[in-house]
Amino acid sequence: MTRLGAALSLVLLLACVGCSNDDDPDVTTEANPSSTPSPTASPTATPTASPTCLGVSTDQLAEWSGLPQELTESSDTDATRCVNLQDEAGMQVEWEYPTYDSTFTELGERADLPGLERSRIELGGGTPGWLLSGTAVQYPQASVVALIDGRPFEVVARTYDVGIAEPADLDTLLRVAKGVAAAQLR
């Protein structure tokens, strides 16, 4: 039994030595009571980055819509398309830089749908855009199209309100569409 006891003691001793914090100079130990932690060594929470797609984060979408959001990105064509997963208010937002060439006027005409009112807006920094809003194919919708750095950009926010108790209203859709478009200028 003495051999077994000695072997067990040796294993415990080695395990304890492996657990020491000698490699970490910022840790105060009882063996060295005179060491003090440095003021910069205080633990801080590292913020986790919100998922983003084409410059828009889930946090921004949540701020504009008032509801938690999730994003997905697809690159099945030459363009990256960003889409939020339909939220509890039935809102879905899609935005992309399509691959076609267009003038500013053509861009507005291409986005025009029956039931939507089209007006010219400024996104910031002198960048003009077209705002389209109203009801298209039975659903509230807000869209912004613009030429950003010479490239067409489109964002569409719509509510699929079938079976939704409190669907997103047009003001929310407008706020989200304008926010996504303005984020492209940063």
N, C-alpha and C. Protein backbone atom coordinates (compact mmCIF):
# COMPACT_ATOMS: atom_id res chain seq x y z
N MET A 1 0.81 -1.19 0.00
CA MET A 1 0.00 0.00 0.00
C MET A 1 0.86 1.26 0.00
N THR A 2 2.05 1.18 0.52
CA THR A 2 2.89 2.37 0.57
C THR A 2 3.32 2.79 -0.82
N ARG A 3 3.57 1.82 -1.72
CA ARG A 3 3.91 2.16 -3.10
C ARG A 3 2.73 2.87 -3.78
N LEU A 4 1.50 2.34 -3.56
CA LEU A 4 0.32 2.96 -4.15
C LEU A 4 0.11 4.36 -3.60
N GLY A 5 0.30 4.54 -2.30
CA GLY A 5 0.15 5.85 -1.68
C GLY A 5 1.17 6.83 -2.21
N ALA A 6 2.42 6.36 -2.39
CA ALA A 6 3.48 7.23 -2.90
C ALA A 6 3.18 7.64 -4.34
N ALA A 7 2.71 6.68 -5.15
CA ALA A 7 2.38 6.98 -6.54
C ALA A 7 1.22 7.97 -6.62
N LEU A 8 0.21 7.79 -5.78
CA LEU A 8 -0.93 8.69 -5.76
C LEU A 8 -0.51 10.09 -5.34
N SER A 9 0.36 10.19 -4.34
CA SER A 9 0.87 11.50 -3.90
C SER A 9 1.64 12.19 -5.01
N LEU A 10 2.44 11.42 -5.75
CA LEU A 10 3.21 11.99 -6.85
C LEU A 10 2.29 12.53 -7.95
N VAL A 11 1.24 11.79 -8.28
CA VAL A 11 0.28 12.23 -9.30
C VAL A 11 -0.40 13.51 -8.86
N LEU A 12 -0.84 13.58 -7.62
CA LEU A 12 -1.49 14.79 -7.11
C LEU A 12 -0.54 15.97 -7.12
N LEU A 13 0.71 15.75 -6.74
CA LEU A 13 1.70 16.84 -6.73
C LEU A 13 1.91 17.37 -8.14
N LEU A 14 2.07 16.48 -9.11
CA LEU A 14 2.25 16.91 -10.50
C LEU A 14 1.02 17.64 -11.04
N ALA A 15 -0.16 17.20 -10.67
CA ALA A 15 -1.39 17.85 -11.11
C ALA A 15 -1.48 19.26 -10.55
N CYS A 16 -1.09 19.43 -9.30
CA CYS A 16 -1.14 20.77 -8.68
C CYS A 16 -0.12 21.70 -9.30
N VAL A 17 1.06 21.20 -9.62
CA VAL A 17 2.08 22.03 -10.25
C VAL A 17 1.59 22.48 -11.62
N GLY A 18 0.93 21.63 -12.35
CA GLY A 18 0.40 21.99 -13.67
C GLY A 18 -0.70 23.02 -13.60
N CYS A 19 -1.34 23.19 -12.43
CA CYS A 19 -2.43 24.15 -12.29
C CYS A 19 -1.97 25.51 -11.82
N SER A 20 -0.71 25.71 -11.57
CA SER A 20 -0.26 27.00 -11.03
C SER A 20 -0.35 28.07 -12.10
N ASN A 21 -0.38 29.34 -11.66
CA ASN A 21 -0.51 30.49 -12.56
C ASN A 21 0.79 31.23 -12.72
N ASP A 22 1.93 30.52 -12.65
CA ASP A 22 3.23 31.18 -12.72
C ASP A 22 3.45 31.87 -14.06
N ASP A 23 2.80 31.44 -15.11
CA ASP A 23 2.99 32.03 -16.44
C ASP A 23 2.26 33.34 -16.61
N ASP A 24 1.30 33.66 -15.75
CA ASP A 24 0.49 34.87 -15.88
C ASP A 24 0.99 35.93 -14.91
N PRO A 25 1.72 36.96 -15.37
CA PRO A 25 2.30 37.95 -14.48
C PRO A 25 1.25 38.85 -13.83
N ASP A 26 0.04 38.93 -14.34
CA ASP A 26 -0.97 39.82 -13.78
C ASP A 26 -1.75 39.19 -12.63
N VAL A 27 -1.54 37.92 -12.32
CA VAL A 27 -2.29 37.24 -11.29
C VAL A 27 -1.54 37.36 -9.97
N THR A 28 -2.20 37.86 -8.94
CA THR A 28 -1.60 37.98 -7.62
C THR A 28 -1.74 36.64 -6.92
N THR A 29 -0.64 36.14 -6.37
CA THR A 29 -0.67 34.87 -5.64
C THR A 29 -0.27 35.12 -4.20
N GLU A 30 -0.59 34.18 -3.31
CA GLU A 30 -0.22 34.33 -1.92
C GLU A 30 1.27 34.22 -1.74
N ALA A 31 1.96 33.54 -2.60
CA ALA A 31 3.40 33.41 -2.49
C ALA A 31 4.08 34.74 -2.75
N ASN A 32 3.45 35.66 -3.44
CA ASN A 32 4.04 36.96 -3.73
C ASN A 32 3.02 38.05 -3.38
N PRO A 33 2.79 38.30 -2.07
CA PRO A 33 1.76 39.26 -1.68
C PRO A 33 2.11 40.69 -2.03
N SER A 34 3.37 40.99 -2.33
CA SER A 34 3.74 42.38 -2.62
C SER A 34 3.36 42.79 -4.04
N SER A 35 3.06 41.82 -4.90
CA SER A 35 2.69 42.20 -6.26
C SER A 35 1.25 42.71 -6.27
N THR A 36 1.02 43.73 -7.03
CA THR A 36 -0.32 44.31 -7.14
C THR A 36 -0.75 44.24 -8.59
N PRO A 37 -2.02 44.01 -8.81
CA PRO A 37 -2.46 43.96 -10.20
C PRO A 37 -2.33 45.32 -10.85
N SER A 38 -1.98 45.31 -12.12
CA SER A 38 -1.84 46.57 -12.83
C SER A 38 -3.22 47.16 -13.09
N PRO A 39 -3.34 48.50 -13.15
CA PRO A 39 -4.65 49.11 -13.36
C PRO A 39 -5.26 48.73 -14.70
N THR A 40 -4.46 48.40 -15.68
CA THR A 40 -5.00 48.02 -16.98
C THR A 40 -5.38 46.56 -17.05
N ALA A 41 -5.11 45.80 -15.98
CA ALA A 41 -5.39 44.37 -16.02
C ALA A 41 -6.78 44.04 -15.53
N SER A 42 -7.60 45.05 -15.26
CA SER A 42 -8.94 44.76 -14.78
C SER A 42 -9.74 44.11 -15.89
N PRO A 43 -10.56 43.11 -15.55
CA PRO A 43 -11.31 42.41 -16.58
C PRO A 43 -12.38 43.31 -17.18
N THR A 44 -12.47 43.28 -18.49
CA THR A 44 -13.51 44.03 -19.18
C THR A 44 -14.21 43.10 -20.15
N ALA A 45 -15.47 43.36 -20.35
CA ALA A 45 -16.23 42.55 -21.29
C ALA A 45 -15.87 42.99 -22.71
N THR A 46 -15.56 42.04 -23.53
CA THR A 46 -15.27 42.34 -24.92
C THR A 46 -16.59 42.32 -25.68
N PRO A 47 -16.94 43.46 -26.30
CA PRO A 47 -18.22 43.48 -27.02
C PRO A 47 -18.16 42.52 -28.20
N THR A 48 -19.22 41.80 -28.39
CA THR A 48 -19.29 40.92 -29.54
C THR A 48 -19.88 41.71 -30.70
N ALA A 49 -19.28 41.54 -31.83
CA ALA A 49 -19.73 42.28 -33.01
C ALA A 49 -21.06 41.74 -33.49
N SER A 50 -21.92 42.66 -33.83
CA SER A 50 -23.22 42.29 -34.40
C SER A 50 -23.00 41.84 -35.83
N PRO A 51 -23.64 40.75 -36.27
CA PRO A 51 -23.48 40.32 -37.66
C PRO A 51 -23.86 41.45 -38.62
N THR A 52 -23.07 41.61 -39.67
CA THR A 52 -23.33 42.66 -40.65
C THR A 52 -23.38 42.08 -42.06
N CYS A 53 -24.03 42.82 -42.94
CA CYS A 53 -24.09 42.48 -44.36
C CYS A 53 -24.15 43.79 -45.14
N LEU A 54 -23.21 43.99 -46.03
CA LEU A 54 -23.11 45.22 -46.82
C LEU A 54 -23.26 46.46 -45.94
N GLY A 55 -22.53 46.48 -44.84
CA GLY A 55 -22.47 47.66 -43.98
C GLY A 55 -23.61 47.86 -43.03
N VAL A 56 -24.54 46.93 -42.94
CA VAL A 56 -25.69 47.06 -42.04
C VAL A 56 -25.66 45.91 -41.03
N SER A 57 -25.79 46.24 -39.76
CA SER A 57 -25.74 45.22 -38.71
C SER A 57 -27.14 44.86 -38.21
N THR A 58 -27.21 43.73 -37.55
CA THR A 58 -28.49 43.33 -36.93
C THR A 58 -28.89 44.34 -35.86
N ASP A 59 -27.91 44.92 -35.18
CA ASP A 59 -28.22 45.94 -34.16
C ASP A 59 -28.87 47.16 -34.79
N GLN A 60 -28.37 47.59 -35.95
CA GLN A 60 -28.97 48.74 -36.63
C GLN A 60 -30.40 48.42 -37.07
N LEU A 61 -30.59 47.25 -37.66
CA LEU A 61 -31.94 46.86 -38.09
C LEU A 61 -32.89 46.82 -36.90
N ALA A 62 -32.42 46.31 -35.77
CA ALA A 62 -33.25 46.25 -34.57
C ALA A 62 -33.59 47.65 -34.07
N GLU A 63 -32.62 48.56 -34.15
CA GLU A 63 -32.87 49.95 -33.72
C GLU A 63 -33.93 50.61 -34.60
N TRP A 64 -33.82 50.43 -35.91
CA TRP A 64 -34.76 51.06 -36.85
C TRP A 64 -36.14 50.42 -36.79
N SER A 65 -36.20 49.11 -36.57
CA SER A 65 -37.49 48.41 -36.60
C SER A 65 -38.14 48.26 -35.24
N GLY A 66 -37.34 48.34 -34.17
CA GLY A 66 -37.87 48.14 -32.83
C GLY A 66 -37.99 46.67 -32.44
N LEU A 67 -37.47 45.77 -33.25
CA LEU A 67 -37.55 44.32 -32.97
C LEU A 67 -36.21 43.66 -33.23
N PRO A 68 -35.91 42.57 -32.53
CA PRO A 68 -34.67 41.82 -32.80
C PRO A 68 -34.66 41.32 -34.24
N GLN A 69 -33.47 41.29 -34.83
CA GLN A 69 -33.35 40.91 -36.23
C GLN A 69 -32.24 39.87 -36.41
N GLU A 70 -32.36 39.07 -37.46
CA GLU A 70 -31.33 38.13 -37.88
C GLU A 70 -31.08 38.37 -39.36
N LEU A 71 -29.82 38.18 -39.78
CA LEU A 71 -29.44 38.41 -41.18
C LEU A 71 -29.00 37.13 -41.85
N THR A 72 -29.20 37.11 -43.14
CA THR A 72 -28.62 36.06 -43.96
C THR A 72 -28.07 36.74 -45.21
N GLU A 73 -27.10 36.12 -45.81
CA GLU A 73 -26.45 36.69 -46.99
C GLU A 73 -26.38 35.62 -48.06
N SER A 74 -26.69 36.01 -49.29
CA SER A 74 -26.54 35.05 -50.38
C SER A 74 -25.70 35.67 -51.47
N SER A 75 -24.89 34.88 -52.07
CA SER A 75 -24.03 35.33 -53.17
C SER A 75 -24.17 34.37 -54.35
N ASP A 76 -25.40 33.98 -54.64
CA ASP A 76 -25.60 33.02 -55.71
C ASP A 76 -25.48 33.64 -57.09
N THR A 77 -25.39 34.95 -57.16
CA THR A 77 -25.16 35.63 -58.43
C THR A 77 -23.87 36.42 -58.27
N ASP A 78 -23.62 37.34 -59.18
CA ASP A 78 -22.44 38.18 -59.05
C ASP A 78 -22.60 39.23 -57.96
N ALA A 79 -23.83 39.41 -57.48
CA ALA A 79 -24.10 40.41 -56.45
C ALA A 79 -24.35 39.72 -55.11
N THR A 80 -23.98 40.41 -54.03
CA THR A 80 -24.31 39.93 -52.69
C THR A 80 -25.67 40.49 -52.34
N ARG A 81 -26.56 39.63 -51.87
CA ARG A 81 -27.90 40.05 -51.47
C ARG A 81 -28.02 39.78 -49.97
N CYS A 82 -28.44 40.79 -49.24
CA CYS A 82 -28.64 40.67 -47.80
C CYS A 82 -30.14 40.63 -47.52
N VAL A 83 -30.52 39.78 -46.58
CA VAL A 83 -31.93 39.62 -46.23
C VAL A 83 -32.02 39.41 -44.73
N ASN A 84 -32.98 40.10 -44.09
CA ASN A 84 -33.24 39.75 -42.70
C ASN A 84 -34.22 38.58 -42.72
N LEU A 85 -34.16 37.77 -41.70
CA LEU A 85 -35.15 36.70 -41.58
C LEU A 85 -36.42 37.36 -41.10
N GLN A 86 -37.54 37.05 -41.71
CA GLN A 86 -38.81 37.72 -41.40
C GLN A 86 -39.01 37.78 -39.89
N ASP A 87 -39.22 39.00 -39.38
CA ASP A 87 -39.35 39.17 -37.93
C ASP A 87 -40.78 38.94 -37.47
N GLU A 88 -41.02 39.13 -36.18
CA GLU A 88 -42.35 38.84 -35.61
C GLU A 88 -43.43 39.81 -36.08
N ALA A 89 -43.04 40.93 -36.69
CA ALA A 89 -44.02 41.86 -37.26
C ALA A 89 -44.22 41.60 -38.74
N GLY A 90 -43.68 40.50 -39.25
CA GLY A 90 -43.85 40.15 -40.66
C GLY A 90 -42.98 40.94 -41.61
N MET A 91 -42.01 41.73 -41.08
CA MET A 91 -41.17 42.56 -41.93
C MET A 91 -40.02 41.75 -42.52
N GLN A 92 -39.81 41.94 -43.81
CA GLN A 92 -38.65 41.38 -44.47
C GLN A 92 -37.96 42.50 -45.23
N VAL A 93 -36.64 42.55 -45.12
CA VAL A 93 -35.84 43.59 -45.76
C VAL A 93 -34.79 42.90 -46.63
N GLU A 94 -34.65 43.37 -47.86
CA GLU A 94 -33.63 42.86 -48.78
C GLU A 94 -32.87 44.05 -49.34
N TRP A 95 -31.55 43.93 -49.44
CA TRP A 95 -30.77 44.99 -50.07
C TRP A 95 -29.58 44.40 -50.80
N GLU A 96 -29.21 45.09 -51.90
CA GLU A 96 -28.11 44.61 -52.73
C GLU A 96 -27.64 45.69 -53.69
N TYR A 97 -26.47 45.45 -54.26
CA TYR A 97 -25.96 46.21 -55.38
C TYR A 97 -26.14 45.31 -56.60
N PRO A 98 -27.23 45.47 -57.36
CA PRO A 98 -27.45 44.59 -58.52
C PRO A 98 -26.36 44.80 -59.57
N THR A 99 -26.25 43.85 -60.45
CA THR A 99 -25.16 43.88 -61.44
C THR A 99 -25.48 44.64 -62.72
N TYR A 100 -26.71 45.14 -62.86
CA TYR A 100 -27.03 45.87 -64.09
C TYR A 100 -26.55 47.32 -64.01
N ASP A 101 -26.33 47.92 -65.17
CA ASP A 101 -25.97 49.34 -65.25
C ASP A 101 -27.25 50.13 -65.46
N SER A 102 -27.28 51.34 -64.89
CA SER A 102 -28.49 52.15 -64.99
C SER A 102 -28.16 53.60 -64.70
N THR A 103 -28.94 54.49 -65.32
CA THR A 103 -28.85 55.89 -64.94
C THR A 103 -29.75 56.10 -63.73
N PHE A 104 -29.66 57.24 -63.11
CA PHE A 104 -30.48 57.54 -61.96
C PHE A 104 -31.97 57.50 -62.32
N THR A 105 -32.32 58.10 -63.45
CA THR A 105 -33.72 58.12 -63.89
C THR A 105 -34.21 56.71 -64.19
N GLU A 106 -33.42 55.93 -64.91
CA GLU A 106 -33.80 54.55 -65.22
C GLU A 106 -33.97 53.72 -63.95
N LEU A 107 -33.14 53.98 -62.97
CA LEU A 107 -33.21 53.25 -61.71
C LEU A 107 -34.56 53.48 -61.03
N GLY A 108 -35.01 54.74 -61.01
CA GLY A 108 -36.31 55.05 -60.42
C GLY A 108 -37.46 54.44 -61.19
N GLU A 109 -37.36 54.46 -62.51
CA GLU A 109 -38.42 53.87 -63.34
C GLU A 109 -38.47 52.36 -63.19
N ARG A 110 -37.32 51.73 -63.08
CA ARG A 110 -37.25 50.28 -62.95
C ARG A 110 -37.89 49.83 -61.64
N ALA A 111 -37.73 50.60 -60.58
CA ALA A 111 -38.25 50.23 -59.25
C ALA A 111 -39.73 50.55 -59.08
N ASP A 112 -40.27 51.35 -59.98
CA ASP A 112 -41.66 51.78 -59.86
C ASP A 112 -42.62 50.60 -60.00
N LEU A 113 -43.52 50.48 -59.05
CA LEU A 113 -44.55 49.44 -59.09
C LEU A 113 -45.92 50.09 -58.90
N PRO A 114 -46.96 49.54 -59.50
CA PRO A 114 -48.30 50.06 -59.26
C PRO A 114 -48.62 50.02 -57.76
N GLY A 115 -49.17 51.12 -57.26
CA GLY A 115 -49.52 51.20 -55.85
C GLY A 115 -48.47 51.91 -55.00
N LEU A 116 -47.29 52.18 -55.57
CA LEU A 116 -46.24 52.87 -54.83
C LEU A 116 -46.09 54.29 -55.32
N GLU A 117 -45.94 55.22 -54.40
CA GLU A 117 -45.64 56.61 -54.75
C GLU A 117 -44.14 56.76 -54.80
N ARG A 118 -43.65 57.46 -55.83
CA ARG A 118 -42.22 57.65 -56.00
C ARG A 118 -41.89 59.12 -55.79
N SER A 119 -40.87 59.37 -54.95
CA SER A 119 -40.40 60.73 -54.74
C SER A 119 -38.88 60.73 -54.64
N ARG A 120 -38.30 61.85 -54.98
CA ARG A 120 -36.85 61.99 -54.93
C ARG A 120 -36.44 62.41 -53.52
N ILE A 121 -35.39 61.77 -52.98
CA ILE A 121 -34.88 62.11 -51.65
C ILE A 121 -33.36 62.27 -51.73
N GLU A 122 -32.77 62.80 -50.66
CA GLU A 122 -31.32 62.85 -50.55
C GLU A 122 -30.91 61.95 -49.40
N LEU A 123 -29.95 61.07 -49.67
CA LEU A 123 -29.50 60.12 -48.66
C LEU A 123 -28.43 60.70 -47.75
N GLY A 124 -27.84 61.78 -48.16
CA GLY A 124 -26.75 62.39 -47.39
C GLY A 124 -25.55 62.58 -48.30
N GLY A 125 -24.75 63.56 -47.99
CA GLY A 125 -23.56 63.81 -48.79
C GLY A 125 -23.86 64.14 -50.23
N GLY A 126 -25.07 64.64 -50.50
CA GLY A 126 -25.43 65.00 -51.86
C GLY A 126 -25.82 63.82 -52.74
N THR A 127 -25.99 62.64 -52.15
CA THR A 127 -26.38 61.46 -52.93
C THR A 127 -27.90 61.39 -53.06
N PRO A 128 -28.42 61.52 -54.28
CA PRO A 128 -29.87 61.45 -54.46
C PRO A 128 -30.35 60.00 -54.49
N GLY A 129 -31.61 59.83 -54.16
CA GLY A 129 -32.21 58.50 -54.22
C GLY A 129 -33.68 58.63 -54.56
N TRP A 130 -34.28 57.51 -54.88
CA TRP A 130 -35.72 57.45 -55.10
C TRP A 130 -36.33 56.69 -53.94
N LEU A 131 -37.37 57.26 -53.36
CA LEU A 131 -38.12 56.60 -52.30
C LEU A 131 -39.46 56.18 -52.89
N LEU A 132 -39.78 54.91 -52.73
CA LEU A 132 -41.05 54.37 -53.22
C LEU A 132 -41.77 53.78 -52.02
N SER A 133 -43.02 54.18 -51.82
CA SER A 133 -43.74 53.66 -50.65
C SER A 133 -45.23 53.54 -50.95
N GLY A 134 -45.86 52.62 -50.24
CA GLY A 134 -47.29 52.39 -50.41
C GLY A 134 -47.60 50.92 -50.25
N THR A 135 -48.61 50.48 -50.99
CA THR A 135 -49.01 49.07 -50.96
C THR A 135 -48.85 48.49 -52.35
N ALA A 136 -48.02 47.46 -52.45
CA ALA A 136 -47.79 46.79 -53.72
C ALA A 136 -48.15 45.32 -53.54
N VAL A 137 -48.96 44.83 -54.41
CA VAL A 137 -49.42 43.43 -54.38
C VAL A 137 -49.93 43.09 -52.99
N GLN A 138 -50.78 43.93 -52.45
CA GLN A 138 -51.49 43.76 -51.18
C GLN A 138 -50.63 43.93 -49.93
N TYR A 139 -49.36 44.25 -50.06
CA TYR A 139 -48.50 44.35 -48.88
C TYR A 139 -47.86 45.74 -48.79
N PRO A 140 -47.79 46.31 -47.57
CA PRO A 140 -47.08 47.57 -47.37
C PRO A 140 -45.61 47.41 -47.75
N GLN A 141 -45.07 48.42 -48.41
CA GLN A 141 -43.68 48.34 -48.87
C GLN A 141 -43.04 49.71 -48.90
N ALA A 142 -41.76 49.76 -48.59
CA ALA A 142 -40.95 50.97 -48.75
C ALA A 142 -39.64 50.55 -49.40
N SER A 143 -39.25 51.28 -50.43
CA SER A 143 -38.01 50.97 -51.15
C SER A 143 -37.21 52.24 -51.34
N VAL A 144 -35.89 52.08 -51.36
CA VAL A 144 -35.01 53.17 -51.74
C VAL A 144 -34.07 52.61 -52.79
N VAL A 145 -33.95 53.34 -53.90
CA VAL A 145 -32.98 52.99 -54.94
C VAL A 145 -32.12 54.21 -55.18
N ALA A 146 -30.85 53.97 -55.45
CA ALA A 146 -29.92 55.08 -55.64
C ALA A 146 -28.70 54.60 -56.41
N LEU A 147 -27.95 55.54 -56.93
CA LEU A 147 -26.63 55.26 -57.48
C LEU A 147 -25.63 55.66 -56.41
N ILE A 148 -24.91 54.69 -55.88
CA ILE A 148 -23.93 54.96 -54.84
C ILE A 148 -22.56 54.62 -55.41
N ASP A 149 -21.72 55.64 -55.48
CA ASP A 149 -20.41 55.49 -56.13
C ASP A 149 -20.55 54.94 -57.55
N GLY A 150 -21.61 55.39 -58.26
CA GLY A 150 -21.83 55.00 -59.63
C GLY A 150 -22.45 53.62 -59.81
N ARG A 151 -22.77 52.95 -58.70
CA ARG A 151 -23.36 51.60 -58.78
C ARG A 151 -24.81 51.64 -58.30
N PRO A 152 -25.72 50.95 -58.99
CA PRO A 152 -27.09 50.88 -58.51
C PRO A 152 -27.16 50.18 -57.16
N PHE A 153 -28.02 50.69 -56.29
CA PHE A 153 -28.26 50.08 -54.98
C PHE A 153 -29.76 50.04 -54.76
N GLU A 154 -30.25 48.93 -54.21
CA GLU A 154 -31.68 48.77 -53.95
C GLU A 154 -31.89 48.22 -52.54
N VAL A 155 -32.87 48.77 -51.84
CA VAL A 155 -33.33 48.17 -50.58
C VAL A 155 -34.86 48.16 -50.62
N VAL A 156 -35.43 47.03 -50.25
CA VAL A 156 -36.89 46.87 -50.20
C VAL A 156 -37.25 46.35 -48.82
N ALA A 157 -38.12 47.08 -48.12
CA ALA A 157 -38.66 46.63 -46.83
C ALA A 157 -40.15 46.45 -47.02
N ARG A 158 -40.65 45.26 -46.71
CA ARG A 158 -42.08 45.00 -46.88
C ARG A 158 -42.58 44.18 -45.72
N THR A 159 -43.88 44.24 -45.52
CA THR A 159 -44.53 43.46 -44.47
C THR A 159 -45.42 42.41 -45.10
N TYR A 160 -45.16 41.18 -44.76
CA TYR A 160 -46.06 40.09 -45.12
C TYR A 160 -46.92 39.87 -43.88
N ASP A 161 -48.06 40.52 -43.85
CA ASP A 161 -48.84 40.59 -42.61
C ASP A 161 -49.91 39.52 -42.47
N VAL A 162 -49.87 38.49 -43.27
CA VAL A 162 -50.86 37.42 -43.17
C VAL A 162 -50.64 36.68 -41.85
N GLY A 163 -51.66 36.70 -41.01
CA GLY A 163 -51.58 36.00 -39.73
C GLY A 163 -50.74 36.70 -38.68
N ILE A 164 -50.31 37.92 -38.93
CA ILE A 164 -49.49 38.68 -37.97
C ILE A 164 -50.42 39.59 -37.18
N ALA A 165 -50.36 39.50 -35.84
CA ALA A 165 -51.25 40.30 -34.99
C ALA A 165 -50.95 41.80 -35.11
N GLU A 166 -49.67 42.16 -35.08
CA GLU A 166 -49.28 43.57 -35.19
C GLU A 166 -48.20 43.72 -36.25
N PRO A 167 -48.60 43.81 -37.53
CA PRO A 167 -47.60 43.91 -38.59
C PRO A 167 -46.88 45.26 -38.57
N ALA A 168 -45.67 45.27 -39.10
CA ALA A 168 -44.90 46.51 -39.20
C ALA A 168 -45.67 47.50 -40.05
N ASP A 169 -45.73 48.75 -39.59
CA ASP A 169 -46.45 49.77 -40.35
C ASP A 169 -45.53 50.43 -41.38
N LEU A 170 -46.12 51.25 -42.23
CA LEU A 170 -45.37 51.89 -43.30
C LEU A 170 -44.27 52.80 -42.75
N ASP A 171 -44.52 53.50 -41.64
CA ASP A 171 -43.49 54.36 -41.05
C ASP A 171 -42.25 53.56 -40.67
N THR A 172 -42.46 52.37 -40.10
CA THR A 172 -41.33 51.51 -39.74
C THR A 172 -40.58 51.06 -40.99
N LEU A 173 -41.32 50.66 -42.01
CA LEU A 173 -40.69 50.22 -43.26
C LEU A 173 -39.88 51.36 -43.89
N LEU A 174 -40.41 52.58 -43.85
CA LEU A 174 -39.69 53.74 -44.38
C LEU A 174 -38.41 53.99 -43.59
N ARG A 175 -38.49 53.93 -42.27
CA ARG A 175 -37.32 54.16 -41.41
C ARG A 175 -36.23 53.12 -41.70
N VAL A 176 -36.62 51.86 -41.85
CA VAL A 176 -35.66 50.80 -42.12
C VAL A 176 -35.03 50.97 -43.50
N ALA A 177 -35.84 51.20 -44.53
CA ALA A 177 -35.32 51.34 -45.89
C ALA A 177 -34.36 52.52 -45.99
N LYS A 178 -34.74 53.65 -45.41
CA LYS A 178 -33.86 54.83 -45.45
C LYS A 178 -32.57 54.58 -44.66
N GLY A 179 -32.69 53.90 -43.52
CA GLY A 179 -31.51 53.60 -42.70
C GLY A 179 -30.51 52.71 -43.43
N VAL A 180 -31.01 51.66 -44.07
CA VAL A 180 -30.14 50.74 -44.82
C VAL A 180 -29.44 51.49 -45.95
N ALA A 181 -30.19 52.32 -46.68
CA ALA A 181 -29.61 53.06 -47.80
C ALA A 181 -28.55 54.06 -47.30
N ALA A 182 -28.87 54.80 -46.25
CA ALA A 182 -27.92 55.78 -45.71
C ALA A 182 -26.66 55.11 -45.17
N ALA A 183 -26.78 53.89 -44.66
CA ALA A 183 -25.61 53.17 -44.13
C ALA A 183 -24.59 52.87 -45.23
N GLN A 184 -25.02 52.87 -46.48
CA GLN A 184 -24.09 52.59 -47.59
C GLN A 184 -23.12 53.76 -47.83
N LEU A 185 -23.44 54.91 -47.29
CA LEU A 185 -22.62 56.10 -47.51
C LEU A 185 -21.50 56.24 -46.49
N ARG A 186 -21.49 55.39 -45.48
CA ARG A 186 -20.48 55.50 -44.41
C ARG A 186 -19.21 54.80 -44.78
